[in-house]
Amino acid sequence: MDVVERLRRINSALTRCRVPATQWPVRFVQTPKMRFMEANFGGGASPDQLLNDAWSLIANIASLADHLRKWARVNGRDPRKVDETIRASRDLQVVIDLWNRDKHGGDPRNGGKSGLNPRLDGVERALQMRTQAKKGSSVMVQQGRDGRLHSYGDGTASIDTSGTVYGAQGKKLGDLQDIAAAAIKAWEALLVTYEVGRGISMN
């Protein structure tokens, strides 16, 4: 089933763009004068490689729409729900607009589906720590002697390939990873409606 392949490709793009901090290696360095541990969050990736990873994530999320419409028609579901899902999610609209900008090399017509004329800037890879949306939530990261990073608390810590999404007049719309996560949740809700199941993992 083609839609399953597309879900796997989204998962693959996510895996490249968000790595749990606990899976990131720490290098032990010893000199005649000191010993220390170093975590290089760049991982040796060039700016072009980071851009390719970010745009691959965008393209795989956005292009799922056509495959879901086709799947719905073949499997007796209502394909109009795909467009209903897009209209109900600003973040999904933004991802689709970014994809169209990259495909066509210019501003989307009339600001795109979101009307915000979004663009992506400042793609890099860095440690991101996020607490939960509740009082007292916390997250901390420490380097361990085992050559790994260890996270503590109820928040999350990951090495993210991300950037900032801006709209018209330079207004900040948000972090690419946050926007992508919200767009994926919109697709996940539709997958449940279509009885495909929760085929996209954010872990």
N, C-alpha and C. Protein backbone atom coordinates (compact mmCIF):
# COMPACT_ATOMS: atom_id res chain seq x y z
N MET A 1 0.85 -1.19 0.00
CA MET A 1 0.00 0.00 0.00
C MET A 1 0.88 1.24 0.00
N ASP A 2 0.72 2.11 -0.97
CA ASP A 2 1.61 3.25 -1.15
C ASP A 2 1.61 4.19 0.04
N VAL A 3 0.46 4.39 0.69
CA VAL A 3 0.40 5.32 1.81
C VAL A 3 1.28 4.84 2.96
N VAL A 4 1.40 3.52 3.15
CA VAL A 4 2.27 2.98 4.20
C VAL A 4 3.72 3.33 3.92
N GLU A 5 4.12 3.23 2.66
CA GLU A 5 5.48 3.62 2.29
C GLU A 5 5.73 5.09 2.60
N ARG A 6 4.73 5.93 2.33
CA ARG A 6 4.89 7.36 2.62
C ARG A 6 5.03 7.61 4.12
N LEU A 7 4.28 6.85 4.93
CA LEU A 7 4.39 7.01 6.38
C LEU A 7 5.78 6.60 6.86
N ARG A 8 6.33 5.55 6.25
CA ARG A 8 7.68 5.13 6.61
C ARG A 8 8.70 6.20 6.25
N ARG A 9 8.49 6.87 5.14
CA ARG A 9 9.41 7.92 4.73
C ARG A 9 9.34 9.12 5.67
N ILE A 10 8.14 9.42 6.18
CA ILE A 10 8.03 10.49 7.18
C ILE A 10 8.80 10.09 8.44
N ASN A 11 8.62 8.84 8.86
CA ASN A 11 9.34 8.36 10.03
C ASN A 11 10.85 8.46 9.84
N SER A 12 11.32 8.10 8.65
CA SER A 12 12.75 8.16 8.35
C SER A 12 13.25 9.61 8.41
N ALA A 13 12.48 10.53 7.84
CA ALA A 13 12.87 11.95 7.87
C ALA A 13 12.89 12.47 9.31
N LEU A 14 11.91 12.05 10.10
CA LEU A 14 11.88 12.46 11.51
C LEU A 14 13.10 11.96 12.26
N THR A 15 13.49 10.72 11.99
CA THR A 15 14.63 10.12 12.68
C THR A 15 15.91 10.89 12.39
N ARG A 16 16.04 11.40 11.17
CA ARG A 16 17.23 12.17 10.82
C ARG A 16 17.21 13.56 11.43
N CYS A 17 16.02 14.11 11.64
CA CYS A 17 15.90 15.49 12.10
C CYS A 17 15.74 15.63 13.60
N ARG A 18 15.43 14.55 14.30
CA ARG A 18 15.28 14.62 15.76
C ARG A 18 15.82 13.34 16.38
N VAL A 19 16.97 13.47 17.05
CA VAL A 19 17.62 12.33 17.69
C VAL A 19 17.57 12.52 19.20
N PRO A 20 17.04 11.55 19.96
CA PRO A 20 17.05 11.68 21.41
C PRO A 20 18.45 11.96 21.93
N ALA A 21 18.58 12.88 22.87
CA ALA A 21 19.89 13.25 23.38
C ALA A 21 20.64 12.05 23.95
N THR A 22 19.90 11.12 24.52
CA THR A 22 20.54 9.94 25.11
C THR A 22 21.19 9.03 24.09
N GLN A 23 20.86 9.21 22.81
CA GLN A 23 21.46 8.40 21.75
C GLN A 23 22.62 9.11 21.05
N TRP A 24 22.93 10.34 21.49
CA TRP A 24 23.99 11.11 20.84
C TRP A 24 25.33 10.83 21.51
N PRO A 25 26.37 10.48 20.75
CA PRO A 25 27.65 10.12 21.37
C PRO A 25 28.40 11.32 21.94
N VAL A 26 29.13 11.07 23.01
CA VAL A 26 30.00 12.07 23.62
C VAL A 26 31.44 11.60 23.47
N ARG A 27 32.31 12.47 23.02
CA ARG A 27 33.70 12.09 22.78
C ARG A 27 34.56 12.43 24.00
N PHE A 28 35.36 11.46 24.42
CA PHE A 28 36.27 11.68 25.55
C PHE A 28 37.62 12.15 25.01
N VAL A 29 38.09 13.29 25.51
CA VAL A 29 39.34 13.89 25.04
C VAL A 29 40.33 13.97 26.21
N GLN A 30 41.56 13.52 25.95
CA GLN A 30 42.60 13.57 26.98
C GLN A 30 43.86 14.21 26.40
N THR A 31 44.35 15.21 27.08
CA THR A 31 45.60 15.87 26.70
C THR A 31 46.55 15.79 27.89
N PRO A 32 47.82 16.17 27.70
CA PRO A 32 48.76 16.14 28.84
C PRO A 32 48.31 17.01 30.01
N LYS A 33 47.48 18.00 29.75
CA LYS A 33 47.09 18.93 30.82
C LYS A 33 45.67 18.75 31.33
N MET A 34 44.82 18.10 30.55
CA MET A 34 43.42 17.99 30.99
C MET A 34 42.71 16.82 30.34
N ARG A 35 41.58 16.47 30.91
CA ARG A 35 40.67 15.47 30.35
C ARG A 35 39.28 16.06 30.36
N PHE A 36 38.55 15.86 29.27
CA PHE A 36 37.18 16.39 29.22
C PHE A 36 36.37 15.60 28.20
N MET A 37 35.05 15.77 28.28
CA MET A 37 34.14 15.13 27.35
C MET A 37 33.50 16.19 26.47
N GLU A 38 33.31 15.87 25.20
CA GLU A 38 32.81 16.84 24.23
C GLU A 38 31.66 16.24 23.44
N ALA A 39 30.60 17.01 23.29
CA ALA A 39 29.47 16.59 22.46
C ALA A 39 29.36 17.57 21.29
N ASN A 40 29.58 17.08 20.09
CA ASN A 40 29.49 17.91 18.89
C ASN A 40 28.12 17.70 18.26
N PHE A 41 27.22 18.65 18.46
CA PHE A 41 25.86 18.48 17.98
C PHE A 41 25.74 18.63 16.48
N GLY A 42 26.75 19.22 15.85
CA GLY A 42 26.74 19.29 14.39
C GLY A 42 26.90 17.93 13.74
N GLY A 43 27.62 17.04 14.42
CA GLY A 43 27.78 15.69 13.91
C GLY A 43 28.54 15.62 12.59
N GLY A 44 29.27 16.67 12.26
CA GLY A 44 30.02 16.67 11.02
C GLY A 44 29.21 16.96 9.77
N ALA A 45 27.94 17.29 9.94
CA ALA A 45 27.08 17.57 8.78
C ALA A 45 27.35 18.96 8.24
N SER A 46 27.35 19.07 6.92
CA SER A 46 27.52 20.37 6.28
C SER A 46 26.21 21.14 6.29
N PRO A 47 26.23 22.46 6.08
CA PRO A 47 24.98 23.21 5.99
C PRO A 47 24.04 22.67 4.92
N ASP A 48 24.58 22.23 3.79
CA ASP A 48 23.74 21.68 2.73
C ASP A 48 23.08 20.38 3.16
N GLN A 49 23.79 19.55 3.91
CA GLN A 49 23.20 18.30 4.39
C GLN A 49 22.07 18.57 5.38
N LEU A 50 22.25 19.56 6.25
CA LEU A 50 21.20 19.91 7.19
C LEU A 50 19.97 20.45 6.46
N LEU A 51 20.21 21.27 5.43
CA LEU A 51 19.09 21.78 4.64
C LEU A 51 18.35 20.64 3.95
N ASN A 52 19.08 19.68 3.40
CA ASN A 52 18.44 18.54 2.75
C ASN A 52 17.57 17.76 3.73
N ASP A 53 18.07 17.57 4.95
CA ASP A 53 17.28 16.84 5.95
C ASP A 53 16.00 17.61 6.30
N ALA A 54 16.13 18.93 6.49
CA ALA A 54 14.96 19.74 6.84
C ALA A 54 13.93 19.75 5.72
N TRP A 55 14.38 19.92 4.48
CA TRP A 55 13.45 19.96 3.36
C TRP A 55 12.86 18.59 3.05
N SER A 56 13.60 17.53 3.36
CA SER A 56 13.05 16.18 3.20
C SER A 56 11.88 15.97 4.17
N LEU A 57 12.03 16.45 5.40
CA LEU A 57 10.94 16.34 6.37
C LEU A 57 9.71 17.11 5.89
N ILE A 58 9.93 18.33 5.42
CA ILE A 58 8.83 19.16 4.92
C ILE A 58 8.13 18.48 3.75
N ALA A 59 8.91 18.01 2.78
CA ALA A 59 8.33 17.40 1.58
C ALA A 59 7.54 16.14 1.90
N ASN A 60 8.05 15.31 2.79
CA ASN A 60 7.36 14.07 3.11
C ASN A 60 6.05 14.30 3.85
N ILE A 61 6.02 15.31 4.72
CA ILE A 61 4.76 15.62 5.42
C ILE A 61 3.75 16.19 4.44
N ALA A 62 4.19 17.16 3.62
CA ALA A 62 3.27 17.86 2.73
C ALA A 62 2.73 16.96 1.62
N SER A 63 3.59 16.12 1.05
CA SER A 63 3.18 15.31 -0.10
C SER A 63 2.27 14.15 0.29
N LEU A 64 2.09 13.92 1.59
CA LEU A 64 1.18 12.85 2.01
C LEU A 64 -0.25 13.12 1.56
N ALA A 65 -0.59 14.38 1.36
CA ALA A 65 -1.97 14.74 1.01
C ALA A 65 -2.45 14.01 -0.23
N ASP A 66 -1.69 14.06 -1.32
CA ASP A 66 -2.11 13.42 -2.57
C ASP A 66 -2.25 11.91 -2.40
N HIS A 67 -1.35 11.31 -1.64
CA HIS A 67 -1.39 9.86 -1.44
C HIS A 67 -2.59 9.46 -0.59
N LEU A 68 -2.94 10.30 0.38
CA LEU A 68 -4.12 10.00 1.20
C LEU A 68 -5.41 10.14 0.38
N ARG A 69 -5.47 11.13 -0.50
CA ARG A 69 -6.65 11.26 -1.37
C ARG A 69 -6.81 10.01 -2.24
N LYS A 70 -5.73 9.56 -2.83
CA LYS A 70 -5.78 8.37 -3.68
C LYS A 70 -6.17 7.14 -2.87
N TRP A 71 -5.57 7.00 -1.68
CA TRP A 71 -5.87 5.85 -0.83
C TRP A 71 -7.35 5.87 -0.44
N ALA A 72 -7.86 7.04 -0.11
CA ALA A 72 -9.26 7.16 0.31
C ALA A 72 -10.21 6.73 -0.80
N ARG A 73 -9.95 7.16 -2.02
CA ARG A 73 -10.82 6.78 -3.15
C ARG A 73 -10.79 5.27 -3.38
N VAL A 74 -9.61 4.66 -3.29
CA VAL A 74 -9.48 3.22 -3.53
C VAL A 74 -10.12 2.41 -2.41
N ASN A 75 -10.09 2.94 -1.19
CA ASN A 75 -10.54 2.16 -0.03
C ASN A 75 -11.90 2.61 0.52
N GLY A 76 -12.66 3.32 -0.28
CA GLY A 76 -14.02 3.65 0.12
C GLY A 76 -14.13 4.68 1.21
N ARG A 77 -13.13 5.56 1.35
CA ARG A 77 -13.21 6.65 2.33
C ARG A 77 -13.46 7.96 1.59
N ASP A 78 -13.81 8.97 2.32
CA ASP A 78 -14.13 10.27 1.74
C ASP A 78 -12.83 11.07 1.53
N PRO A 79 -12.38 11.26 0.29
CA PRO A 79 -11.13 12.01 0.06
C PRO A 79 -11.23 13.48 0.43
N ARG A 80 -12.46 14.00 0.56
CA ARG A 80 -12.60 15.41 0.92
C ARG A 80 -12.10 15.70 2.33
N LYS A 81 -12.00 14.66 3.14
CA LYS A 81 -11.51 14.86 4.51
C LYS A 81 -10.04 15.29 4.53
N VAL A 82 -9.30 14.96 3.46
CA VAL A 82 -7.91 15.40 3.39
C VAL A 82 -7.86 16.93 3.36
N ASP A 83 -8.67 17.53 2.49
CA ASP A 83 -8.69 18.99 2.40
C ASP A 83 -9.31 19.63 3.64
N GLU A 84 -10.28 18.95 4.25
CA GLU A 84 -10.84 19.45 5.50
C GLU A 84 -9.77 19.49 6.58
N THR A 85 -8.93 18.46 6.62
CA THR A 85 -7.85 18.41 7.61
C THR A 85 -6.86 19.54 7.38
N ILE A 86 -6.53 19.79 6.12
CA ILE A 86 -5.60 20.88 5.79
C ILE A 86 -6.19 22.23 6.19
N ARG A 87 -7.47 22.45 5.88
CA ARG A 87 -8.09 23.73 6.21
C ARG A 87 -8.16 23.96 7.72
N ALA A 88 -8.22 22.88 8.49
CA ALA A 88 -8.37 23.01 9.94
C ALA A 88 -7.04 23.15 10.68
N SER A 89 -5.91 23.00 9.97
CA SER A 89 -4.60 23.03 10.63
C SER A 89 -3.71 24.09 10.01
N ARG A 90 -3.47 25.18 10.74
CA ARG A 90 -2.57 26.21 10.23
C ARG A 90 -1.17 25.65 10.00
N ASP A 91 -0.72 24.79 10.90
CA ASP A 91 0.64 24.25 10.79
C ASP A 91 0.80 23.37 9.55
N LEU A 92 -0.21 22.57 9.25
CA LEU A 92 -0.16 21.75 8.05
C LEU A 92 -0.17 22.64 6.80
N GLN A 93 -0.95 23.69 6.84
CA GLN A 93 -0.96 24.64 5.72
C GLN A 93 0.42 25.26 5.52
N VAL A 94 1.08 25.62 6.62
CA VAL A 94 2.41 26.24 6.55
C VAL A 94 3.41 25.26 5.94
N VAL A 95 3.36 24.00 6.36
CA VAL A 95 4.29 23.00 5.81
C VAL A 95 4.06 22.82 4.31
N ILE A 96 2.81 22.76 3.90
CA ILE A 96 2.50 22.62 2.47
C ILE A 96 2.98 23.85 1.70
N ASP A 97 2.81 25.04 2.27
CA ASP A 97 3.28 26.26 1.61
C ASP A 97 4.80 26.28 1.48
N LEU A 98 5.51 25.82 2.52
CA LEU A 98 6.96 25.74 2.44
C LEU A 98 7.39 24.79 1.32
N TRP A 99 6.71 23.67 1.24
CA TRP A 99 7.01 22.67 0.19
C TRP A 99 6.79 23.26 -1.19
N ASN A 100 5.69 23.97 -1.37
CA ASN A 100 5.40 24.59 -2.66
C ASN A 100 6.42 25.67 -3.01
N ARG A 101 6.86 26.43 -2.01
CA ARG A 101 7.90 27.43 -2.24
C ARG A 101 9.19 26.75 -2.74
N ASP A 102 9.55 25.66 -2.10
CA ASP A 102 10.77 24.95 -2.49
C ASP A 102 10.64 24.34 -3.88
N LYS A 103 9.46 23.80 -4.19
CA LYS A 103 9.24 23.17 -5.50
C LYS A 103 9.29 24.19 -6.62
N HIS A 104 8.64 25.33 -6.41
CA HIS A 104 8.43 26.28 -7.50
C HIS A 104 9.40 27.46 -7.46
N GLY A 105 10.21 27.54 -6.40
CA GLY A 105 11.24 28.56 -6.34
C GLY A 105 10.74 29.98 -6.21
N GLY A 106 9.67 30.17 -5.48
CA GLY A 106 9.15 31.53 -5.29
C GLY A 106 8.00 31.57 -4.32
N ASP A 107 7.48 32.76 -4.11
CA ASP A 107 6.37 32.94 -3.18
C ASP A 107 5.13 32.22 -3.69
N PRO A 108 4.40 31.54 -2.79
CA PRO A 108 3.13 30.93 -3.21
C PRO A 108 2.10 32.00 -3.55
N ARG A 109 1.21 31.68 -4.46
CA ARG A 109 0.19 32.64 -4.88
C ARG A 109 -0.74 33.00 -3.72
N ASN A 110 -0.98 34.29 -3.55
CA ASN A 110 -1.89 34.80 -2.51
C ASN A 110 -1.48 34.34 -1.10
N GLY A 111 -0.17 34.16 -0.91
CA GLY A 111 0.30 33.76 0.41
C GLY A 111 0.19 32.29 0.71
N GLY A 112 -0.26 31.49 -0.28
CA GLY A 112 -0.39 30.05 -0.09
C GLY A 112 -1.66 29.66 0.65
N LYS A 113 -1.74 28.40 1.03
CA LYS A 113 -2.92 27.91 1.74
C LYS A 113 -3.09 28.60 3.09
N SER A 114 -1.97 28.93 3.72
CA SER A 114 -2.04 29.57 5.04
C SER A 114 -2.30 31.07 4.92
N GLY A 115 -2.03 31.65 3.74
CA GLY A 115 -2.13 33.09 3.57
C GLY A 115 -1.00 33.84 4.24
N LEU A 116 0.03 33.11 4.73
CA LEU A 116 1.10 33.71 5.52
C LEU A 116 2.41 33.85 4.75
N ASN A 117 2.46 33.29 3.54
CA ASN A 117 3.68 33.36 2.72
C ASN A 117 4.92 32.92 3.52
N PRO A 118 4.91 31.72 4.09
CA PRO A 118 6.00 31.32 4.99
C PRO A 118 7.30 31.01 4.24
N ARG A 119 8.41 31.22 4.96
CA ARG A 119 9.72 30.85 4.46
C ARG A 119 10.55 30.31 5.63
N LEU A 120 11.53 29.49 5.30
CA LEU A 120 12.37 28.85 6.31
C LEU A 120 13.75 29.50 6.32
N ASP A 121 14.28 29.74 7.51
CA ASP A 121 15.59 30.37 7.61
C ASP A 121 16.35 29.80 8.81
N GLY A 122 17.69 29.90 8.75
CA GLY A 122 18.52 29.55 9.90
C GLY A 122 18.51 28.09 10.28
N VAL A 123 18.56 27.19 9.29
CA VAL A 123 18.56 25.76 9.60
C VAL A 123 19.89 25.36 10.21
N GLU A 124 19.84 24.70 11.35
CA GLU A 124 21.03 24.22 12.04
C GLU A 124 20.66 23.04 12.92
N ARG A 125 21.66 22.41 13.50
CA ARG A 125 21.42 21.28 14.40
C ARG A 125 21.90 21.67 15.79
N ALA A 126 21.06 21.47 16.79
CA ALA A 126 21.39 21.91 18.14
C ALA A 126 20.61 21.09 19.17
N LEU A 127 21.08 21.15 20.40
CA LEU A 127 20.38 20.51 21.51
C LEU A 127 19.15 21.33 21.86
N GLN A 128 18.00 20.67 21.92
CA GLN A 128 16.75 21.33 22.29
C GLN A 128 16.17 20.63 23.51
N MET A 129 15.87 21.40 24.54
CA MET A 129 15.24 20.84 25.74
C MET A 129 13.87 21.47 25.89
N ARG A 130 12.85 20.62 26.05
CA ARG A 130 11.47 21.10 26.14
C ARG A 130 10.82 20.53 27.40
N THR A 131 10.23 21.41 28.20
CA THR A 131 9.45 20.96 29.34
C THR A 131 8.01 20.71 28.90
N GLN A 132 7.25 20.04 29.75
CA GLN A 132 5.84 19.87 29.47
C GLN A 132 5.08 21.15 29.83
N ALA A 133 3.89 21.27 29.26
CA ALA A 133 3.09 22.48 29.49
C ALA A 133 2.34 22.37 30.81
N LYS A 134 3.11 22.28 31.90
CA LYS A 134 2.49 22.23 33.23
C LYS A 134 3.48 22.77 34.25
N LYS A 135 2.96 23.25 35.34
CA LYS A 135 3.78 23.84 36.38
C LYS A 135 4.71 22.79 36.99
N GLY A 136 5.97 23.17 37.18
CA GLY A 136 6.93 22.27 37.82
C GLY A 136 7.63 21.32 36.88
N SER A 137 7.27 21.34 35.60
CA SER A 137 7.93 20.46 34.65
C SER A 137 9.38 20.89 34.45
N SER A 138 10.29 19.92 34.29
CA SER A 138 11.69 20.27 34.16
C SER A 138 12.42 19.24 33.30
N VAL A 139 13.57 19.65 32.79
CA VAL A 139 14.44 18.73 32.06
C VAL A 139 15.88 19.22 32.22
N MET A 140 16.79 18.27 32.40
CA MET A 140 18.20 18.59 32.56
C MET A 140 19.02 17.55 31.80
N VAL A 141 20.13 17.97 31.22
CA VAL A 141 21.00 17.07 30.48
C VAL A 141 22.40 17.12 31.08
N GLN A 142 23.00 15.95 31.31
CA GLN A 142 24.36 15.86 31.80
C GLN A 142 25.15 14.85 30.98
N GLN A 143 26.44 15.09 30.88
CA GLN A 143 27.31 14.12 30.23
C GLN A 143 27.72 13.05 31.24
N GLY A 144 27.68 11.78 30.81
CA GLY A 144 28.05 10.68 31.68
C GLY A 144 29.40 10.10 31.33
N ARG A 145 29.98 9.37 32.26
CA ARG A 145 31.27 8.73 32.02
C ARG A 145 31.18 7.59 31.00
N ASP A 146 29.96 7.18 30.69
CA ASP A 146 29.76 6.11 29.73
C ASP A 146 29.80 6.61 28.29
N GLY A 147 30.12 7.89 28.10
CA GLY A 147 30.18 8.43 26.75
C GLY A 147 28.82 8.77 26.17
N ARG A 148 27.85 9.02 27.02
CA ARG A 148 26.50 9.35 26.58
C ARG A 148 25.99 10.57 27.32
N LEU A 149 24.98 11.22 26.72
CA LEU A 149 24.24 12.25 27.42
C LEU A 149 23.09 11.59 28.16
N HIS A 150 22.78 12.10 29.34
CA HIS A 150 21.68 11.58 30.14
C HIS A 150 20.72 12.72 30.44
N SER A 151 19.43 12.47 30.25
CA SER A 151 18.42 13.50 30.53
C SER A 151 17.63 13.11 31.77
N TYR A 152 17.23 14.12 32.52
CA TYR A 152 16.49 13.93 33.76
C TYR A 152 15.29 14.88 33.77
N GLY A 153 14.24 14.44 34.43
CA GLY A 153 13.02 15.23 34.50
C GLY A 153 11.95 14.67 33.58
N ASP A 154 10.80 15.34 33.54
CA ASP A 154 9.69 14.85 32.73
C ASP A 154 9.62 15.51 31.36
N GLY A 155 10.59 16.38 31.05
CA GLY A 155 10.64 16.99 29.73
C GLY A 155 11.42 16.12 28.75
N THR A 156 11.68 16.67 27.58
CA THR A 156 12.40 15.93 26.55
C THR A 156 13.66 16.70 26.16
N ALA A 157 14.66 15.95 25.74
CA ALA A 157 15.91 16.54 25.24
C ALA A 157 16.28 15.80 23.97
N SER A 158 16.51 16.54 22.91
CA SER A 158 16.83 15.93 21.62
C SER A 158 17.78 16.83 20.84
N ILE A 159 18.46 16.21 19.89
CA ILE A 159 19.33 16.94 18.97
C ILE A 159 18.50 17.16 17.71
N ASP A 160 18.09 18.41 17.49
CA ASP A 160 17.14 18.73 16.42
C ASP A 160 17.83 19.42 15.25
N THR A 161 17.47 18.97 14.06
CA THR A 161 17.78 19.75 12.87
C THR A 161 16.54 20.59 12.59
N SER A 162 16.67 21.89 12.75
CA SER A 162 15.50 22.74 12.65
C SER A 162 15.89 24.12 12.17
N GLY A 163 14.92 25.00 12.10
CA GLY A 163 15.12 26.38 11.69
C GLY A 163 13.90 27.18 12.10
N THR A 164 13.91 28.45 11.79
CA THR A 164 12.81 29.33 12.12
C THR A 164 11.96 29.59 10.88
N VAL A 165 10.65 29.52 11.05
CA VAL A 165 9.73 29.81 9.95
C VAL A 165 9.18 31.21 10.15
N TYR A 166 9.33 32.02 9.10
CA TYR A 166 8.85 33.41 9.13
C TYR A 166 7.72 33.57 8.12
N GLY A 167 6.83 34.51 8.42
CA GLY A 167 5.76 34.83 7.51
C GLY A 167 6.00 36.17 6.84
N ALA A 168 4.95 36.75 6.31
CA ALA A 168 5.05 38.04 5.65
C ALA A 168 5.54 39.11 6.62
N GLN A 169 6.29 40.08 6.09
CA GLN A 169 6.87 41.16 6.89
C GLN A 169 7.79 40.64 8.00
N GLY A 170 8.33 39.44 7.81
CA GLY A 170 9.30 38.91 8.76
C GLY A 170 8.73 38.46 10.08
N LYS A 171 7.42 38.28 10.18
CA LYS A 171 6.81 37.82 11.43
C LYS A 171 7.18 36.36 11.70
N LYS A 172 7.65 36.09 12.90
CA LYS A 172 8.04 34.74 13.28
C LYS A 172 6.81 33.87 13.50
N LEU A 173 6.76 32.75 12.77
CA LEU A 173 5.63 31.83 12.90
C LEU A 173 5.93 30.68 13.85
N GLY A 174 7.22 30.37 14.05
CA GLY A 174 7.56 29.31 14.97
C GLY A 174 8.76 28.51 14.52
N ASP A 175 9.12 27.53 15.33
CA ASP A 175 10.22 26.61 15.06
C ASP A 175 9.75 25.51 14.11
N LEU A 176 10.58 25.16 13.14
CA LEU A 176 10.18 24.15 12.15
C LEU A 176 9.76 22.84 12.81
N GLN A 177 10.51 22.39 13.81
CA GLN A 177 10.18 21.12 14.46
C GLN A 177 8.81 21.18 15.13
N ASP A 178 8.50 22.29 15.78
CA ASP A 178 7.19 22.42 16.44
C ASP A 178 6.07 22.46 15.41
N ILE A 179 6.29 23.18 14.31
CA ILE A 179 5.28 23.26 13.26
C ILE A 179 5.09 21.90 12.60
N ALA A 180 6.19 21.19 12.34
CA ALA A 180 6.11 19.86 11.73
C ALA A 180 5.38 18.88 12.65
N ALA A 181 5.66 18.95 13.95
CA ALA A 181 5.00 18.06 14.90
C ALA A 181 3.50 18.28 14.92
N ALA A 182 3.07 19.55 14.88
CA ALA A 182 1.64 19.85 14.87
C ALA A 182 1.00 19.40 13.56
N ALA A 183 1.72 19.55 12.44
CA ALA A 183 1.20 19.10 11.15
C ALA A 183 1.02 17.59 11.14
N ILE A 184 1.97 16.88 11.71
CA ILE A 184 1.88 15.42 11.77
C ILE A 184 0.71 14.99 12.64
N LYS A 185 0.47 15.69 13.73
CA LYS A 185 -0.68 15.35 14.59
C LYS A 185 -1.99 15.51 13.82
N ALA A 186 -2.05 16.50 12.94
CA ALA A 186 -3.25 16.67 12.12
C ALA A 186 -3.44 15.48 11.20
N TRP A 187 -2.34 15.03 10.57
CA TRP A 187 -2.44 13.83 9.72
C TRP A 187 -2.81 12.60 10.54
N GLU A 188 -2.24 12.48 11.74
CA GLU A 188 -2.53 11.32 12.58
C GLU A 188 -4.02 11.23 12.90
N ALA A 189 -4.65 12.37 13.17
CA ALA A 189 -6.09 12.37 13.47
C ALA A 189 -6.87 11.87 12.26
N LEU A 190 -6.45 12.26 11.06
CA LEU A 190 -7.12 11.78 9.86
C LEU A 190 -6.88 10.29 9.65
N LEU A 191 -5.68 9.82 9.95
CA LEU A 191 -5.39 8.39 9.80
C LEU A 191 -6.30 7.56 10.70
N VAL A 192 -6.55 8.07 11.91
CA VAL A 192 -7.47 7.36 12.81
C VAL A 192 -8.88 7.35 12.22
N THR A 193 -9.31 8.49 11.68
CA THR A 193 -10.63 8.57 11.04
C THR A 193 -10.72 7.58 9.88
N TYR A 194 -9.66 7.48 9.11
CA TYR A 194 -9.61 6.55 7.97
C TYR A 194 -9.36 5.11 8.41
N GLU A 195 -9.13 4.89 9.71
CA GLU A 195 -8.87 3.56 10.27
C GLU A 195 -7.56 2.97 9.73
N VAL A 196 -6.62 3.87 9.42
CA VAL A 196 -5.28 3.42 9.06
C VAL A 196 -4.47 3.15 10.33
N GLY A 197 -4.80 3.88 11.40
CA GLY A 197 -4.07 3.73 12.65
C GLY A 197 -3.04 4.83 12.80
N ARG A 198 -2.38 4.86 13.93
CA ARG A 198 -1.38 5.89 14.20
C ARG A 198 -0.06 5.44 13.58
N GLY A 199 0.08 5.76 12.29
CA GLY A 199 1.20 5.25 11.54
C GLY A 199 2.46 6.10 11.58
N ILE A 200 2.43 7.23 12.29
CA ILE A 200 3.60 8.10 12.33
C ILE A 200 4.07 8.17 13.77
N SER A 201 5.34 7.85 14.01
CA SER A 201 5.88 7.87 15.36
C SER A 201 6.71 9.13 15.57
N MET A 202 6.44 9.84 16.68
CA MET A 202 7.23 11.03 17.00
C MET A 202 8.33 10.70 18.00
N ASN A 203 8.54 9.42 18.31
CA ASN A 203 9.55 9.05 19.29
C ASN A 203 10.92 9.04 18.64
